[in-house]
C-alpha atoms as a PDB file:
ATOM      1  CA  UNK A   1      -0.112   0.044  -0.092  1.00  0.00           C
ATOM      2  CA  UNK A   2       1.356   3.342  -1.000  1.00  0.00           C
ATOM      3  CA  UNK A   3       2.525   5.868   1.684  1.00  0.00           C
ATOM      4  CA  UNK A   4      -0.441   8.401   2.506  1.00  0.00           C
ATOM      5  CA  UNK A   5      -0.001  11.955   1.671  1.00  0.00           C
ATOM      6  CA  UNK A   6       0.570  14.274   4.705  1.00  0.00           C
ATOM      7  CA  UNK A   7      -2.977  15.321   5.875  1.00  0.00           C
ATOM      8  CA  UNK A   8      -3.754  18.818   5.465  1.00  0.00           C
ATOM      9  CA  UNK A   9      -6.055  20.892   7.490  1.00  0.00           C
ATOM     10  CA  UNK A  10      -8.845  21.065   5.156  1.00  0.00           C
ATOM     11  CA  UNK A  11      -9.023  17.266   4.488  1.00  0.00           C
ATOM     12  CA  UNK A  12      -8.831  16.718   8.370  1.00  0.00           C
ATOM     13  CA  UNK A  13     -11.592  19.260   8.850  1.00  0.00           C
ATOM     14  CA  UNK A  14     -13.909  17.911   6.265  1.00  0.00           C
ATOM     15  CA  UNK A  15     -13.378  14.355   7.520  1.00  0.00           C
ATOM     16  CA  UNK A  16     -14.074  15.585  10.971  1.00  0.00           C
ATOM     17  CA  UNK A  17     -17.179  17.075   9.756  1.00  0.00           C
ATOM     18  CA  UNK A  18     -18.206  13.887   8.012  1.00  0.00           C
ATOM     19  CA  UNK A  19     -17.463  12.113  11.288  1.00  0.00           C
ATOM     20  CA  UNK A  20     -19.817  14.424  13.093  1.00  0.00           C
ATOM     21  CA  UNK A  21     -22.465  13.817  10.714  1.00  0.00           C
ATOM     22  CA  UNK A  22     -21.983  10.110  10.846  1.00  0.00           C
ATOM     23  CA  UNK A  23     -21.972  10.201  14.495  1.00  0.00           C
ATOM     24  CA  UNK A  24     -25.179  12.146  14.608  1.00  0.00           C
ATOM     25  CA  UNK A  25     -26.883   9.587  12.347  1.00  0.00           C
ATOM     26  CA  UNK A  26     -25.556   6.736  14.252  1.00  0.00           C
ATOM     27  CA  UNK A  27     -26.691   8.378  17.645  1.00  0.00           C
ATOM     28  CA  UNK A  28     -30.071   9.267  16.313  1.00  0.00           C
ATOM     29  CA  UNK A  29     -30.614   5.749  15.085  1.00  0.00           C
ATOM     30  CA  UNK A  30     -29.519   4.357  18.487  1.00  0.00           C
ATOM     31  CA  UNK A  31     -31.532   6.734  20.248  1.00  0.00           C
ATOM     32  CA  UNK A  32     -34.704   5.839  18.298  1.00  0.00           C
ATOM     33  CA  UNK A  33     -33.914   2.161  18.524  1.00  0.00           C
ATOM     34  CA  UNK A  34     -33.483   2.240  22.128  1.00  0.00           C
ATOM     35  CA  UNK A  35     -35.609   5.111  23.468  1.00  0.00           C
ATOM     36  CA  UNK A  36     -38.555   4.875  21.164  1.00  0.00           C
ATOM     37  CA  UNK A  37     -38.632   1.375  19.745  1.00  0.00           C
ATOM     38  CA  UNK A  38     -37.449  -0.408  22.932  1.00  0.00           C
ATOM     39  CA  UNK A  39     -34.629  -2.373  21.314  1.00  0.00           C
ATOM     40  CA  UNK A  40     -32.011  -3.531  23.792  1.00  0.00           C
ATOM     41  CA  UNK A  41     -28.732  -1.452  23.378  1.00  0.00           C
ATOM     42  CA  UNK A  42     -26.595  -4.234  22.547  1.00  0.00           C
ATOM     43  CA  UNK A  43     -28.859  -5.174  19.716  1.00  0.00           C
ATOM     44  CA  UNK A  44     -29.408  -1.730  18.541  1.00  0.00           C
ATOM     45  CA  UNK A  45     -25.850  -0.932  18.386  1.00  0.00           C
ATOM     46  CA  UNK A  46     -25.340  -2.986  15.161  1.00  0.00           C
ATOM     47  CA  UNK A  47     -27.607  -1.361  12.927  1.00  0.00           C
ATOM     48  CA  UNK A  48     -27.101   2.246  14.261  1.00  0.00           C
ATOM     49  CA  UNK A  49     -23.268   1.776  13.582  1.00  0.00           C
ATOM     50  CA  UNK A  50     -23.832   0.357  10.068  1.00  0.00           C
ATOM     51  CA  UNK A  51     -25.599   3.584   9.211  1.00  0.00           C
ATOM     52  CA  UNK A  52     -22.735   5.703  10.495  1.00  0.00           C
ATOM     53  CA  UNK A  53     -20.326   3.470   8.474  1.00  0.00           C
ATOM     54  CA  UNK A  54     -22.149   4.136   5.211  1.00  0.00           C
ATOM     55  CA  UNK A  55     -22.007   7.915   5.859  1.00  0.00           C
ATOM     56  CA  UNK A  56     -18.249   7.671   6.624  1.00  0.00           C
ATOM     57  CA  UNK A  57     -17.438   5.998   3.313  1.00  0.00           C
ATOM     58  CA  UNK A  58     -19.312   8.291   1.004  1.00  0.00           C
ATOM     59  CA  UNK A  59     -18.527  11.384   3.057  1.00  0.00           C
ATOM     60  CA  UNK A  60     -14.857  10.649   3.141  1.00  0.00           C
ATOM     61  CA  UNK A  61     -14.372   9.484  -0.399  1.00  0.00           C
ATOM     62  CA  UNK A  62     -16.531  12.166  -2.092  1.00  0.00           C
ATOM     63  CA  UNK A  63     -16.362  15.247   0.443  1.00  0.00           C
ATOM     64  CA  UNK A  64     -13.334  15.107   2.843  1.00  0.00           C
ATOM     65  CA  UNK A  65     -10.722  13.562   0.310  1.00  0.00           C
ATOM     66  CA  UNK A  66     -12.313  14.798  -2.873  1.00  0.00           C
ATOM     67  CA  UNK A  67     -11.715  11.469  -4.364  1.00  0.00           C
ATOM     68  CA  UNK A  68     -13.372  11.217  -7.668  1.00  0.00           C
ATOM     69  CA  UNK A  69     -11.499   7.953  -8.763  1.00  0.00           C
ATOM     70  CA  UNK A  70     -13.387   5.039 -10.255  1.00  0.00           C
ATOM     71  CA  UNK A  71     -11.395   2.655  -8.037  1.00  0.00           C
ATOM     72  CA  UNK A  72     -14.687   2.259  -6.125  1.00  0.00           C
ATOM     73  CA  UNK A  73     -14.532  -1.481  -5.443  1.00  0.00           C
ATOM     74  CA  UNK A  74     -10.792  -1.359  -4.309  1.00  0.00           C
ATOM     75  CA  UNK A  75     -11.554   1.491  -1.990  1.00  0.00           C
ATOM     76  CA  UNK A  76     -14.546  -0.049  -0.660  1.00  0.00           C
ATOM     77  CA  UNK A  77     -12.851  -3.276   0.045  1.00  0.00           C
ATOM     78  CA  UNK A  78      -9.908  -1.430   1.770  1.00  0.00           C
ATOM     79  CA  UNK A  79     -12.190   0.802   3.739  1.00  0.00           C
ATOM     80  CA  UNK A  80     -14.378  -2.262   4.644  1.00  0.00           C
ATOM     81  CA  UNK A  81     -11.196  -4.009   6.036  1.00  0.00           C
ATOM     82  CA  UNK A  82     -10.160  -0.972   8.107  1.00  0.00           C
ATOM     83  CA  UNK A  83     -13.820  -0.472   9.379  1.00  0.00           C
ATOM     84  CA  UNK A  84     -14.140  -4.157  10.547  1.00  0.00           C
ATOM     85  CA  UNK A  85     -11.316  -3.129  12.842  1.00  0.00           C
ATOM     86  CA  UNK A  86     -12.997   0.131  13.811  1.00  0.00           C
ATOM     87  CA  UNK A  87     -16.417  -1.723  14.063  1.00  0.00           C
ATOM     88  CA  UNK A  88     -14.927  -4.253  16.574  1.00  0.00           C
ATOM     89  CA  UNK A  89     -13.084  -1.246  18.515  1.00  0.00           C
ATOM     90  CA  UNK A  90     -16.563   0.600  18.628  1.00  0.00           C
ATOM     91  CA  UNK A  91     -18.358  -2.452  19.798  1.00  0.00           C
ATOM     92  CA  UNK A  92     -15.788  -2.901  22.602  1.00  0.00           C
ATOM     93  CA  UNK A  93     -15.607   0.602  23.490  1.00  0.00           C
ATOM     94  CA  UNK A  94     -19.469   0.849  23.638  1.00  0.00           C
ATOM     95  CA  UNK A  95     -19.707  -2.226  25.710  1.00  0.00           C
ATOM     96  CA  UNK A  96     -17.145  -0.840  28.304  1.00  0.00           C
ATOM     97  CA  UNK A  97     -18.588   2.500  28.427  1.00  0.00           C
ATOM     98  CA  UNK A  98     -22.246   1.863  28.295  1.00  0.00           C
ATOM     99  CA  UNK A  99     -22.674  -1.635  29.708  1.00  0.00           C
ATOM    100  CA  UNK A 100     -19.742  -1.983  32.144  1.00  0.00           C
ATOM    101  CA  UNK A 101     -19.239   1.674  33.191  1.00  0.00           C
ATOM    102  CA  UNK A 102     -22.914   2.531  33.016  1.00  0.00           C
ATOM    103  CA  UNK A 103     -22.713   5.755  30.960  1.00  0.00           C
ATOM    104  CA  UNK A 104     -25.799   6.778  28.834  1.00  0.00           C
ATOM    105  CA  UNK A 105     -25.797   5.005  25.590  1.00  0.00           C
ATOM    106  CA  UNK A 106     -25.317   8.200  23.586  1.00  0.00           C
ATOM    107  CA  UNK A 107     -22.519   9.465  25.725  1.00  0.00           C
ATOM    108  CA  UNK A 108     -20.897   6.077  25.514  1.00  0.00           C
ATOM    109  CA  UNK A 109     -21.207   6.332  21.711  1.00  0.00           C
ATOM    110  CA  UNK A 110     -19.846   9.718  21.361  1.00  0.00           C
ATOM    111  CA  UNK A 111     -16.860   8.974  23.491  1.00  0.00           C
ATOM    112  CA  UNK A 112     -16.004   5.613  21.926  1.00  0.00           C
ATOM    113  CA  UNK A 113     -16.653   6.656  18.368  1.00  0.00           C
ATOM    114  CA  UNK A 114     -14.395   9.661  18.973  1.00  0.00           C
ATOM    115  CA  UNK A 115     -11.504   7.584  20.389  1.00  0.00           C
ATOM    116  CA  UNK A 116     -11.677   5.100  17.358  1.00  0.00           C
ATOM    117  CA  UNK A 117     -11.821   7.825  14.690  1.00  0.00           C
ATOM    118  CA  UNK A 118      -8.860   9.641  15.722  1.00  0.00           C
ATOM    119  CA  UNK A 119      -6.531   6.843  16.812  1.00  0.00           C
ATOM    120  CA  UNK A 120      -7.565   4.268  14.158  1.00  0.00           C
ATOM    121  CA  UNK A 121      -9.789   5.093  11.283  1.00  0.00           C
ATOM    122  CA  UNK A 122      -8.653   8.588   9.983  1.00  0.00           C
ATOM    123  CA  UNK A 123      -5.075   7.632   9.811  1.00  0.00           C
ATOM    124  CA  UNK A 124      -5.715   4.492   7.777  1.00  0.00           C
ATOM    125  CA  UNK A 125      -8.243   6.387   5.503  1.00  0.00           C
ATOM    126  CA  UNK A 126      -5.544   8.513   4.063  1.00  0.00           C
ATOM    127  CA  UNK A 127      -4.106   5.368   2.684  1.00  0.00           C
ATOM    128  CA  UNK A 128      -7.293   4.470   0.894  1.00  0.00           C
ATOM    129  CA  UNK A 129      -8.520   7.821  -0.411  1.00  0.00           C
ATOM    130  CA  UNK A 130      -6.497  10.179  -2.563  1.00  0.00           C
ATOM    131  CA  UNK A 131      -7.420  14.132  -2.510  1.00  0.00           C
ATOM    132  CA  UNK A 132      -5.965  14.423  -5.997  1.00  0.00           C
ATOM    133  CA  UNK A 133      -7.330  11.137  -7.636  1.00  0.00           C
ATOM    134  CA  UNK A 134      -8.936  11.593 -10.833  1.00  0.00           C
END
């Protein structure tokens, strides 16, 4: 895998904005599932996270990294591999924060997702998406 370009502020800011939107979608879905529909938090976690994941891929590819390449399948596969790791880390973080520590599910999601985003996902996305891709 080629070395990623040095992240610039614009790309990072846009990616962070995508992360905020994806997290809001995730938390809203989680809240509706748990608070409105009465789904157990551990069960509601998976579909809520999945919606956030879709927003992350498309938002980062097209908006944050301005990647217009047609290498959609390769990027999707690599993004999927990275996000399998992030997904697992989010599941663990949510369990530790919401179930074990007893934090409200929304706060647990926000803290866990931010830690996974900054420490794991964003650094690897720079290897997948290219801001100058044609």
